[in-house]
Amino acid sequence: MEHKNEENFGLHLGLSIVKIALKAAAVAAAFCIVKEVHKVHKAIEEHHK
């Protein structure tokens, strides 16, 4: 029975790490999108001058 608990703990820990990694990737993607939108907005402003 002890072996099964260790497997469950390892699986739970692995899934927690994956969740954190996905959240970090989502934040990084959002940051990149905002940065690109800012560049496009700035280019549009320069075009209208």
Protein backbone atom coordinates (compact mmCIF):
# COMPACT_ATOMS: atom_id res chain seq x y z
CA MET A 1 0.00 0.00 0.00
CA GLU A 2 2.92 2.37 0.71
CA HIS A 3 4.15 2.08 -2.88
CA LYS A 4 0.77 3.19 -4.24
CA ASN A 5 0.77 6.31 -2.01
CA GLU A 6 4.23 7.22 -3.30
CA GLU A 7 2.98 6.89 -6.89
CA ASN A 8 -0.01 9.10 -6.14
CA PHE A 9 2.22 11.70 -4.49
CA GLY A 10 4.57 11.69 -7.50
CA LEU A 11 1.67 12.04 -9.89
CA HIS A 12 0.14 14.84 -7.82
CA LEU A 13 3.48 16.66 -7.63
CA GLY A 14 4.01 16.25 -11.39
CA LEU A 15 0.57 17.62 -12.17
CA SER A 16 1.14 20.57 -9.84
CA ILE A 17 4.39 21.39 -11.65
CA VAL A 18 2.64 21.16 -15.02
CA LYS A 19 -0.13 23.50 -13.78
CA ILE A 20 2.43 26.08 -12.67
CA ALA A 21 4.31 25.79 -15.97
CA LEU A 22 1.09 26.31 -17.94
CA LYS A 23 0.21 29.38 -15.87
CA ALA A 24 3.69 30.81 -16.47
CA ALA A 25 3.36 30.13 -20.20
CA ALA A 26 -0.04 31.85 -20.26
CA VAL A 27 1.40 34.92 -18.52
CA ALA A 28 4.34 35.02 -20.94
CA ALA A 29 1.99 34.70 -23.93
CA ALA A 30 -0.24 37.49 -22.62
CA PHE A 31 2.80 39.72 -22.12
CA CYS A 32 3.95 39.07 -25.70
CA ILE A 33 0.48 39.80 -27.07
CA VAL A 34 0.30 43.10 -25.18
CA LYS A 35 3.77 44.01 -26.44
CA GLU A 36 2.76 43.29 -30.06
CA VAL A 37 -0.49 45.23 -29.73
CA HIS A 38 1.50 48.18 -28.39
CA LYS A 39 3.87 48.01 -31.37
CA VAL A 40 0.97 47.95 -33.83
CA HIS A 41 -0.74 50.84 -32.05
CA LYS A 42 2.46 52.86 -32.12
CA ALA A 43 2.94 52.12 -35.84
CA ILE A 44 -0.64 53.25 -36.57
CA GLU A 45 -0.05 56.49 -34.64
CA GLU A 46 3.17 57.14 -36.60
CA HIS A 47 1.33 56.45 -39.87
CA HIS A 48 -1.36 59.03 -39.08
CA LYS A 49 1.08 61.85 -38.29
